[in-house]
């Protein structure tokens, strides 16, 4: 058992705290995102002038593949 789903949740919370909105709305879009048929809409983060490190932090937490997500340890060490 891993904490990958918890790290996904942290990515969602970080996004909400920063842009006060969801990156993806609707079950269909979430399904398409989970299948890799819809990319993360990072333009919402970019439009709020989030730094490259911030965008990398969130996008890595929201990686489609659980093993590619930051762990709690690597998240704490992230720039």
N, C-alpha and C. Protein backbone atom coordinates (compact mmCIF):
# COMPACT_ATOMS: atom_id res chain seq x y z
N UNK A 1 0.84 -1.17 0.00
CA UNK A 1 0.00 0.00 0.00
C UNK A 1 0.89 1.24 0.00
N UNK A 2 0.49 2.24 -0.81
CA UNK A 2 1.27 3.47 -0.90
C UNK A 2 0.40 4.67 -0.51
N UNK A 3 1.02 5.79 -0.43
CA UNK A 3 0.29 7.03 -0.13
C UNK A 3 0.03 7.83 -1.40
N UNK A 4 0.13 7.19 -2.57
CA UNK A 4 -0.01 7.90 -3.84
C UNK A 4 -1.35 8.63 -3.95
N UNK A 5 -2.42 8.02 -3.48
CA UNK A 5 -3.73 8.67 -3.57
C UNK A 5 -3.77 9.89 -2.65
N UNK A 6 -3.08 9.81 -1.53
CA UNK A 6 -3.01 10.97 -0.63
C UNK A 6 -2.23 12.11 -1.26
N UNK A 7 -1.18 11.76 -1.99
CA UNK A 7 -0.38 12.79 -2.66
C UNK A 7 -1.20 13.45 -3.78
N UNK A 8 -2.03 12.65 -4.48
CA UNK A 8 -2.94 13.22 -5.48
C UNK A 8 -3.84 14.25 -4.79
N UNK A 9 -4.37 13.90 -3.63
CA UNK A 9 -5.25 14.81 -2.90
C UNK A 9 -4.53 16.09 -2.50
N UNK A 10 -3.28 15.97 -2.10
CA UNK A 10 -2.50 17.17 -1.77
C UNK A 10 -2.35 18.06 -3.00
N UNK A 11 -2.15 17.44 -4.17
CA UNK A 11 -2.08 18.21 -5.41
C UNK A 11 -3.38 18.95 -5.69
N UNK A 12 -4.51 18.31 -5.42
CA UNK A 12 -5.81 18.97 -5.61
C UNK A 12 -5.98 20.12 -4.63
N UNK A 13 -5.57 19.90 -3.39
CA UNK A 13 -5.69 20.95 -2.37
C UNK A 13 -4.77 22.13 -2.71
N UNK A 14 -3.53 21.83 -3.11
CA UNK A 14 -2.60 22.90 -3.48
C UNK A 14 -3.14 23.71 -4.65
N UNK A 15 -3.74 23.04 -5.61
CA UNK A 15 -4.33 23.74 -6.75
C UNK A 15 -5.45 24.65 -6.28
N UNK A 16 -6.34 24.12 -5.45
CA UNK A 16 -7.47 24.91 -4.96
C UNK A 16 -6.98 26.13 -4.18
N UNK A 17 -5.99 25.93 -3.34
CA UNK A 17 -5.47 27.04 -2.54
C UNK A 17 -4.85 28.12 -3.41
N UNK A 18 -4.26 27.71 -4.52
CA UNK A 18 -3.59 28.68 -5.37
C UNK A 18 -4.53 29.39 -6.34
N UNK A 19 -5.38 28.62 -7.03
CA UNK A 19 -6.21 29.25 -8.06
C UNK A 19 -7.68 29.36 -7.68
N UNK A 20 -8.06 28.80 -6.54
CA UNK A 20 -9.46 28.85 -6.08
C UNK A 20 -10.41 28.25 -7.11
N UNK A 21 -9.96 27.18 -7.74
CA UNK A 21 -10.77 26.51 -8.75
C UNK A 21 -10.22 25.10 -8.93
N UNK A 22 -10.99 24.27 -9.60
CA UNK A 22 -10.55 22.92 -9.94
C UNK A 22 -9.86 22.95 -11.30
N UNK A 23 -8.84 22.13 -11.46
CA UNK A 23 -8.21 22.03 -12.78
C UNK A 23 -9.11 21.31 -13.76
N UNK A 24 -9.83 20.31 -13.27
CA UNK A 24 -10.69 19.49 -14.13
C UNK A 24 -12.08 19.43 -13.52
N UNK A 25 -13.06 19.70 -14.31
CA UNK A 25 -14.45 19.64 -13.84
C UNK A 25 -15.18 18.51 -14.56
N UNK A 26 -16.00 17.81 -13.82
CA UNK A 26 -16.86 16.79 -14.39
C UNK A 26 -16.24 15.40 -14.41
N UNK A 27 -17.10 14.42 -14.22
CA UNK A 27 -16.66 13.03 -14.17
C UNK A 27 -16.05 12.58 -15.50
N UNK A 28 -16.63 13.01 -16.60
CA UNK A 28 -16.11 12.60 -17.92
C UNK A 28 -14.69 13.10 -18.12
N UNK A 29 -14.46 14.37 -17.81
CA UNK A 29 -13.12 14.92 -17.97
C UNK A 29 -12.13 14.26 -17.03
N UNK A 30 -12.55 13.94 -15.81
CA UNK A 30 -11.67 13.25 -14.87
C UNK A 30 -11.33 11.85 -15.40
N UNK A 31 -12.32 11.18 -15.99
CA UNK A 31 -12.08 9.86 -16.58
C UNK A 31 -11.08 9.97 -17.73
N UNK A 32 -11.28 10.95 -18.60
CA UNK A 32 -10.36 11.13 -19.73
C UNK A 32 -8.95 11.47 -19.24
N UNK A 33 -8.85 12.27 -18.20
CA UNK A 33 -7.56 12.59 -17.61
C UNK A 33 -6.90 11.34 -17.06
N UNK A 34 -7.66 10.52 -16.36
CA UNK A 34 -7.10 9.31 -15.76
C UNK A 34 -6.62 8.31 -16.80
N UNK A 35 -7.21 8.35 -17.98
CA UNK A 35 -6.80 7.47 -19.07
C UNK A 35 -5.68 8.06 -19.92
N UNK A 36 -5.29 9.28 -19.64
CA UNK A 36 -4.25 9.93 -20.42
C UNK A 36 -4.74 10.51 -21.72
N UNK A 37 -6.06 10.59 -21.89
CA UNK A 37 -6.61 11.15 -23.13
C UNK A 37 -6.90 12.64 -23.01
N UNK A 38 -6.70 13.18 -21.81
CA UNK A 38 -6.86 14.61 -21.57
C UNK A 38 -5.67 15.04 -20.73
N UNK A 39 -4.91 16.02 -21.20
CA UNK A 39 -3.77 16.48 -20.41
C UNK A 39 -4.23 17.36 -19.25
N UNK A 40 -3.38 17.49 -18.24
CA UNK A 40 -3.67 18.42 -17.16
C UNK A 40 -3.75 19.82 -17.76
N UNK A 41 -4.80 20.55 -17.49
CA UNK A 41 -4.92 21.91 -18.04
C UNK A 41 -4.09 22.90 -17.22
N UNK A 42 -2.81 22.88 -17.45
CA UNK A 42 -1.89 23.70 -16.68
C UNK A 42 -2.01 25.18 -16.99
N UNK A 43 -2.76 25.52 -18.03
CA UNK A 43 -2.94 26.94 -18.38
C UNK A 43 -3.59 27.72 -17.25
N UNK A 44 -4.41 27.05 -16.43
CA UNK A 44 -5.03 27.75 -15.30
C UNK A 44 -3.96 28.16 -14.29
N UNK A 45 -2.96 27.31 -14.10
CA UNK A 45 -1.87 27.64 -13.19
C UNK A 45 -0.98 28.71 -13.79
N UNK A 46 -0.70 28.57 -15.07
CA UNK A 46 0.16 29.55 -15.76
C UNK A 46 -0.49 30.92 -15.79
N UNK A 47 -1.81 30.97 -15.93
CA UNK A 47 -2.50 32.26 -15.99
C UNK A 47 -2.44 33.00 -14.66
N UNK A 48 -2.21 32.28 -13.58
CA UNK A 48 -2.05 32.90 -12.26
C UNK A 48 -0.59 33.17 -11.94
N UNK A 49 0.25 32.99 -12.95
CA UNK A 49 1.69 33.26 -12.86
C UNK A 49 2.37 32.43 -11.77
N UNK A 50 1.94 31.18 -11.64
CA UNK A 50 2.62 30.26 -10.74
C UNK A 50 3.99 29.96 -11.31
N UNK A 51 4.99 29.89 -10.47
CA UNK A 51 6.37 29.66 -10.93
C UNK A 51 6.50 28.28 -11.57
N UNK A 52 7.56 28.09 -12.30
CA UNK A 52 7.84 26.80 -12.90
C UNK A 52 7.96 25.71 -11.85
N UNK A 53 8.59 26.03 -10.72
CA UNK A 53 8.68 25.05 -9.64
C UNK A 53 7.30 24.72 -9.08
N UNK A 54 6.44 25.71 -8.96
CA UNK A 54 5.09 25.48 -8.46
C UNK A 54 4.28 24.62 -9.40
N UNK A 55 4.38 24.91 -10.69
CA UNK A 55 3.67 24.10 -11.69
C UNK A 55 4.20 22.67 -11.68
N UNK A 56 5.52 22.52 -11.58
CA UNK A 56 6.11 21.18 -11.52
C UNK A 56 5.64 20.43 -10.28
N UNK A 57 5.59 21.12 -9.15
CA UNK A 57 5.14 20.51 -7.90
C UNK A 57 3.72 19.96 -8.04
N UNK A 58 2.81 20.79 -8.53
CA UNK A 58 1.42 20.37 -8.66
C UNK A 58 1.27 19.30 -9.73
N UNK A 59 1.89 19.49 -10.88
CA UNK A 59 1.71 18.51 -11.96
C UNK A 59 2.32 17.16 -11.59
N UNK A 60 3.38 17.16 -10.80
CA UNK A 60 3.97 15.89 -10.38
C UNK A 60 3.08 15.21 -9.33
N UNK A 61 2.47 15.99 -8.47
CA UNK A 61 1.52 15.41 -7.52
C UNK A 61 0.31 14.83 -8.24
N UNK A 62 -0.06 15.44 -9.34
CA UNK A 62 -1.24 15.00 -10.09
C UNK A 62 -0.87 14.09 -11.27
N UNK A 63 0.29 13.48 -11.19
CA UNK A 63 0.71 12.57 -12.25
C UNK A 63 -0.29 11.42 -12.38
N UNK A 64 -0.58 11.05 -13.61
CA UNK A 64 -1.53 9.97 -13.87
C UNK A 64 -1.06 8.65 -13.29
N UNK A 65 0.22 8.39 -13.34
CA UNK A 65 0.79 7.14 -12.85
C UNK A 65 1.20 7.32 -11.39
N UNK A 66 0.59 6.56 -10.48
CA UNK A 66 0.89 6.73 -9.06
C UNK A 66 2.38 6.65 -8.71
N UNK A 67 3.11 5.78 -9.37
CA UNK A 67 4.54 5.64 -9.05
C UNK A 67 5.35 6.85 -9.50
N UNK A 68 4.79 7.70 -10.36
CA UNK A 68 5.47 8.91 -10.81
C UNK A 68 5.20 10.12 -9.92
N UNK A 69 4.26 9.98 -8.99
CA UNK A 69 3.92 11.09 -8.10
C UNK A 69 5.00 11.30 -7.05
N UNK A 70 5.07 12.53 -6.57
CA UNK A 70 5.95 12.81 -5.45
C UNK A 70 5.48 12.00 -4.25
N UNK A 71 6.42 11.57 -3.44
CA UNK A 71 6.09 10.98 -2.15
C UNK A 71 6.05 12.11 -1.13
N UNK A 72 5.64 11.82 0.07
CA UNK A 72 5.63 12.86 1.11
C UNK A 72 7.06 13.39 1.33
N UNK A 73 8.02 12.50 1.33
CA UNK A 73 9.41 12.91 1.53
C UNK A 73 9.91 13.77 0.39
N UNK A 74 9.67 13.35 -0.85
CA UNK A 74 10.16 14.12 -2.00
C UNK A 74 9.40 15.43 -2.14
N UNK A 75 8.13 15.45 -1.73
CA UNK A 75 7.36 16.69 -1.77
C UNK A 75 7.95 17.72 -0.80
N UNK A 76 8.36 17.26 0.37
CA UNK A 76 8.96 18.17 1.34
C UNK A 76 10.32 18.70 0.87
N UNK A 77 11.00 17.91 0.03
CA UNK A 77 12.30 18.32 -0.48
C UNK A 77 12.21 19.12 -1.77
N UNK A 78 11.01 19.23 -2.35
CA UNK A 78 10.83 19.91 -3.63
C UNK A 78 11.14 21.39 -3.48
N UNK A 79 11.73 21.95 -4.53
CA UNK A 79 12.08 23.38 -4.51
C UNK A 79 10.84 24.23 -4.33
